[in-house]
C-alpha atoms as a PDB file:
ATOM      1  CA  UNK A   1     -33.791 -42.403  16.175  1.00  0.00           C
ATOM      2  CA  UNK A   2     -36.860 -43.878  14.625  1.00  0.00           C
ATOM      3  CA  UNK A   3     -38.954 -40.981  14.977  1.00  0.00           C
ATOM      4  CA  UNK A   4     -36.368 -38.975  13.312  1.00  0.00           C
ATOM      5  CA  UNK A   5     -36.116 -41.319  10.545  1.00  0.00           C
ATOM      6  CA  UNK A   6     -39.827 -41.351   9.970  1.00  0.00           C
ATOM      7  CA  UNK A   7     -39.570 -37.247  10.504  1.00  0.00           C
ATOM      8  CA  UNK A   8     -37.054 -37.042   7.467  1.00  0.00           C
ATOM      9  CA  UNK A   9     -39.227 -39.634   5.161  1.00  0.00           C
ATOM     10  CA  UNK A  10     -42.281 -37.452   5.839  1.00  0.00           C
ATOM     11  CA  UNK A  11     -40.305 -34.451   5.164  1.00  0.00           C
ATOM     12  CA  UNK A  12     -38.779 -36.217   1.840  1.00  0.00           C
ATOM     13  CA  UNK A  13     -42.451 -37.095   0.968  1.00  0.00           C
ATOM     14  CA  UNK A  14     -43.522 -33.394   1.038  1.00  0.00           C
ATOM     15  CA  UNK A  15     -40.979 -32.123  -0.746  1.00  0.00           C
ATOM     16  CA  UNK A  16     -40.806 -34.887  -3.570  1.00  0.00           C
ATOM     17  CA  UNK A  17     -43.907 -35.770  -5.489  1.00  0.00           C
ATOM     18  CA  UNK A  18     -43.339 -39.293  -6.489  1.00  0.00           C
ATOM     19  CA  UNK A  19     -42.383 -42.488  -4.646  1.00  0.00           C
ATOM     20  CA  UNK A  20     -39.482 -43.127  -6.808  1.00  0.00           C
ATOM     21  CA  UNK A  21     -38.384 -39.670  -5.909  1.00  0.00           C
ATOM     22  CA  UNK A  22     -38.334 -40.049  -2.277  1.00  0.00           C
ATOM     23  CA  UNK A  23     -36.611 -43.405  -2.662  1.00  0.00           C
ATOM     24  CA  UNK A  24     -33.516 -41.883  -4.307  1.00  0.00           C
ATOM     25  CA  UNK A  25     -33.500 -38.939  -2.185  1.00  0.00           C
ATOM     26  CA  UNK A  26     -33.699 -41.158   1.184  1.00  0.00           C
ATOM     27  CA  UNK A  27     -30.803 -43.313  -0.104  1.00  0.00           C
ATOM     28  CA  UNK A  28     -28.980 -40.931  -1.054  1.00  0.00           C
ATOM     29  CA  UNK A  29     -29.412 -38.855   2.290  1.00  0.00           C
ATOM     30  CA  UNK A  30     -28.848 -42.115   3.993  1.00  0.00           C
ATOM     31  CA  UNK A  31     -25.558 -42.823   2.293  1.00  0.00           C
ATOM     32  CA  UNK A  32     -24.168 -39.207   3.088  1.00  0.00           C
ATOM     33  CA  UNK A  33     -25.214 -39.500   6.669  1.00  0.00           C
ATOM     34  CA  UNK A  34     -23.386 -42.729   6.939  1.00  0.00           C
ATOM     35  CA  UNK A  35     -20.225 -41.150   5.440  1.00  0.00           C
ATOM     36  CA  UNK A  36     -20.326 -38.221   7.974  1.00  0.00           C
ATOM     37  CA  UNK A  37     -21.121 -40.303  10.965  1.00  0.00           C
ATOM     38  CA  UNK A  38     -18.730 -42.641  10.513  1.00  0.00           C
ATOM     39  CA  UNK A  39     -15.783 -39.973   9.201  1.00  0.00           C
ATOM     40  CA  UNK A  40     -16.618 -37.529  11.820  1.00  0.00           C
ATOM     41  CA  UNK A  41     -13.491 -37.846  13.553  1.00  0.00           C
ATOM     42  CA  UNK A  42     -11.125 -38.882  10.518  1.00  0.00           C
ATOM     43  CA  UNK A  43     -11.405 -35.754   8.424  1.00  0.00           C
ATOM     44  CA  UNK A  44      -8.197 -34.694   9.734  1.00  0.00           C
ATOM     45  CA  UNK A  45      -6.700 -37.819   9.280  1.00  0.00           C
ATOM     46  CA  UNK A  46      -6.676 -37.612   5.366  1.00  0.00           C
ATOM     47  CA  UNK A  47      -8.392 -40.546   4.793  1.00  0.00           C
ATOM     48  CA  UNK A  48     -12.278 -39.936   4.473  1.00  0.00           C
ATOM     49  CA  UNK A  49     -12.843 -43.069   2.212  1.00  0.00           C
ATOM     50  CA  UNK A  50     -10.620 -45.661   4.124  1.00  0.00           C
ATOM     51  CA  UNK A  51     -11.280 -49.148   3.135  1.00  0.00           C
ATOM     52  CA  UNK A  52     -12.869 -49.367   6.379  1.00  0.00           C
ATOM     53  CA  UNK A  53     -15.191 -46.847   5.926  1.00  0.00           C
ATOM     54  CA  UNK A  54     -16.214 -48.041   2.353  1.00  0.00           C
ATOM     55  CA  UNK A  55     -17.127 -51.275   3.904  1.00  0.00           C
ATOM     56  CA  UNK A  56     -19.333 -49.565   6.483  1.00  0.00           C
ATOM     57  CA  UNK A  57     -21.036 -47.663   3.735  1.00  0.00           C
ATOM     58  CA  UNK A  58     -21.408 -50.678   1.799  1.00  0.00           C
ATOM     59  CA  UNK A  59     -23.189 -52.379   4.345  1.00  0.00           C
ATOM     60  CA  UNK A  60     -25.385 -49.782   5.170  1.00  0.00           C
ATOM     61  CA  UNK A  61     -26.552 -49.710   1.692  1.00  0.00           C
ATOM     62  CA  UNK A  62     -27.110 -53.104   1.406  1.00  0.00           C
ATOM     63  CA  UNK A  63     -29.331 -52.893   4.420  1.00  0.00           C
ATOM     64  CA  UNK A  64     -31.048 -49.762   3.178  1.00  0.00           C
ATOM     65  CA  UNK A  65     -31.645 -51.025  -0.323  1.00  0.00           C
ATOM     66  CA  UNK A  66     -32.804 -54.422   1.023  1.00  0.00           C
ATOM     67  CA  UNK A  67     -35.140 -52.640   3.200  1.00  0.00           C
ATOM     68  CA  UNK A  68     -36.670 -50.780   0.696  1.00  0.00           C
ATOM     69  CA  UNK A  69     -36.830 -53.658  -2.157  1.00  0.00           C
ATOM     70  CA  UNK A  70     -38.905 -55.446   0.178  1.00  0.00           C
ATOM     71  CA  UNK A  71     -41.300 -52.610   1.025  1.00  0.00           C
ATOM     72  CA  UNK A  72     -41.798 -52.032  -2.694  1.00  0.00           C
ATOM     73  CA  UNK A  73     -42.593 -55.669  -3.194  1.00  0.00           C
ATOM     74  CA  UNK A  74     -45.313 -55.142  -0.560  1.00  0.00           C
ATOM     75  CA  UNK A  75     -46.290 -51.832  -2.019  1.00  0.00           C
ATOM     76  CA  UNK A  76     -46.710 -53.320  -5.524  1.00  0.00           C
ATOM     77  CA  UNK A  77     -48.486 -56.466  -4.306  1.00  0.00           C
ATOM     78  CA  UNK A  78     -51.222 -54.348  -2.294  1.00  0.00           C
ATOM     79  CA  UNK A  79     -51.516 -51.864  -5.254  1.00  0.00           C
ATOM     80  CA  UNK A  80     -52.135 -55.074  -7.492  1.00  0.00           C
ATOM     81  CA  UNK A  81     -54.872 -56.141  -5.034  1.00  0.00           C
ATOM     82  CA  UNK A  82     -56.518 -52.824  -4.925  1.00  0.00           C
ATOM     83  CA  UNK A  83     -56.244 -52.126  -8.672  1.00  0.00           C
ATOM     84  CA  UNK A  84     -54.198 -49.009  -8.159  1.00  0.00           C
ATOM     85  CA  UNK A  85     -50.799 -47.496  -9.833  1.00  0.00           C
ATOM     86  CA  UNK A  86     -48.091 -50.186  -9.497  1.00  0.00           C
ATOM     87  CA  UNK A  87     -44.492 -50.176  -9.430  1.00  0.00           C
ATOM     88  CA  UNK A  88     -42.897 -50.965 -13.092  1.00  0.00           C
ATOM     89  CA  UNK A  89     -41.025 -54.536 -13.137  1.00  0.00           C
ATOM     90  CA  UNK A  90     -38.056 -52.568 -14.334  1.00  0.00           C
ATOM     91  CA  UNK A  91     -38.043 -50.513 -11.205  1.00  0.00           C
ATOM     92  CA  UNK A  92     -38.214 -53.685  -8.820  1.00  0.00           C
ATOM     93  CA  UNK A  93     -35.433 -55.317 -11.141  1.00  0.00           C
ATOM     94  CA  UNK A  94     -33.285 -52.407 -10.472  1.00  0.00           C
ATOM     95  CA  UNK A  95     -33.768 -52.142  -7.115  1.00  0.00           C
ATOM     96  CA  UNK A  96     -32.692 -56.072  -6.792  1.00  0.00           C
ATOM     97  CA  UNK A  97     -29.548 -55.611  -9.141  1.00  0.00           C
ATOM     98  CA  UNK A  98     -28.196 -52.478  -7.010  1.00  0.00           C
ATOM     99  CA  UNK A  99     -28.057 -54.795  -4.073  1.00  0.00           C
ATOM    100  CA  UNK A 100     -31.826 -55.602  -3.088  1.00  0.00           C
ATOM    101  CA  UNK A 101     -31.738 -59.352  -4.099  1.00  0.00           C
ATOM    102  CA  UNK A 102     -32.114 -60.782  -0.701  1.00  0.00           C
ATOM    103  CA  UNK A 103     -35.240 -58.028  -0.346  1.00  0.00           C
ATOM    104  CA  UNK A 104     -36.627 -58.927  -3.599  1.00  0.00           C
ATOM    105  CA  UNK A 105     -36.447 -62.708  -2.856  1.00  0.00           C
ATOM    106  CA  UNK A 106     -38.056 -61.901   0.917  1.00  0.00           C
ATOM    107  CA  UNK A 107     -40.580 -59.879  -0.614  1.00  0.00           C
ATOM    108  CA  UNK A 108     -41.555 -62.226  -3.151  1.00  0.00           C
ATOM    109  CA  UNK A 109     -42.034 -65.105  -0.884  1.00  0.00           C
ATOM    110  CA  UNK A 110     -43.787 -63.020   2.179  1.00  0.00           C
ATOM    111  CA  UNK A 111     -46.149 -60.974  -0.244  1.00  0.00           C
ATOM    112  CA  UNK A 112     -46.631 -64.096  -2.757  1.00  0.00           C
ATOM    113  CA  UNK A 113     -45.823 -61.649  -5.491  1.00  0.00           C
ATOM    114  CA  UNK A 114     -44.385 -62.050  -8.842  1.00  0.00           C
ATOM    115  CA  UNK A 115     -43.993 -65.689  -8.324  1.00  0.00           C
ATOM    116  CA  UNK A 116     -45.885 -67.052 -11.324  1.00  0.00           C
ATOM    117  CA  UNK A 117     -44.454 -64.729 -13.744  1.00  0.00           C
ATOM    118  CA  UNK A 118     -42.246 -66.821 -15.427  1.00  0.00           C
ATOM    119  CA  UNK A 119     -40.392 -64.200 -17.543  1.00  0.00           C
ATOM    120  CA  UNK A 120     -40.228 -61.928 -14.390  1.00  0.00           C
ATOM    121  CA  UNK A 121     -38.635 -64.801 -12.369  1.00  0.00           C
ATOM    122  CA  UNK A 122     -36.177 -65.951 -15.246  1.00  0.00           C
ATOM    123  CA  UNK A 123     -35.111 -62.292 -15.388  1.00  0.00           C
ATOM    124  CA  UNK A 124     -34.420 -61.790 -11.407  1.00  0.00           C
ATOM    125  CA  UNK A 125     -32.508 -64.993 -11.423  1.00  0.00           C
ATOM    126  CA  UNK A 126     -30.415 -63.911 -14.609  1.00  0.00           C
ATOM    127  CA  UNK A 127     -29.914 -60.343 -12.592  1.00  0.00           C
ATOM    128  CA  UNK A 128     -28.944 -62.495  -9.648  1.00  0.00           C
ATOM    129  CA  UNK A 129     -26.714 -64.694 -11.458  1.00  0.00           C
ATOM    130  CA  UNK A 130     -24.920 -61.775 -12.839  1.00  0.00           C
ATOM    131  CA  UNK A 131     -24.548 -59.927  -9.718  1.00  0.00           C
ATOM    132  CA  UNK A 132     -22.811 -63.126  -8.285  1.00  0.00           C
ATOM    133  CA  UNK A 133     -20.483 -62.975 -11.160  1.00  0.00           C
ATOM    134  CA  UNK A 134     -19.737 -59.392 -10.709  1.00  0.00           C
ATOM    135  CA  UNK A 135     -19.095 -59.796  -6.997  1.00  0.00           C
ATOM    136  CA  UNK A 136     -16.678 -62.480  -7.702  1.00  0.00           C
ATOM    137  CA  UNK A 137     -15.050 -60.437 -10.761  1.00  0.00           C
ATOM    138  CA  UNK A 138     -14.601 -57.477  -8.241  1.00  0.00           C
ATOM    139  CA  UNK A 139     -13.189 -59.726  -5.311  1.00  0.00           C
ATOM    140  CA  UNK A 140     -10.596 -61.286  -7.648  1.00  0.00           C
ATOM    141  CA  UNK A 141      -9.451 -58.062  -9.224  1.00  0.00           C
ATOM    142  CA  UNK A 142      -9.114 -56.715  -5.524  1.00  0.00           C
ATOM    143  CA  UNK A 143      -6.830 -59.218  -4.605  1.00  0.00           C
ATOM    144  CA  UNK A 144      -4.562 -59.258  -7.429  1.00  0.00           C
END
């Protein structure tokens, strides 16, 4: 399974030129594979996107996006030390906002990256609070 995942990532890296394109393609592929794997036996049942399936897909998305965000912080730190091309701050914030908050927080602590930039940290915490408010709002709406 792990060898297959690496083979797919290398294939995506060969097809797409930038790290951002590889990230997007791998994410879409993971979500699609999760949908197909989870619903393989349910297509005849008429409910390919049941509530249970959406929870599983959501959990897989969060796992994937947090791993990628953590890796992006590590890559950006390494690039900063070596003076190479960096990942834009907008991209790091976007990955955190779409679910990678835990990966971003862990990456900043483990790699000691973006810990002294007050503006970056303030925006990160603002996005985190906004994210929590959206979760509370969606939870409230779904219970009504």
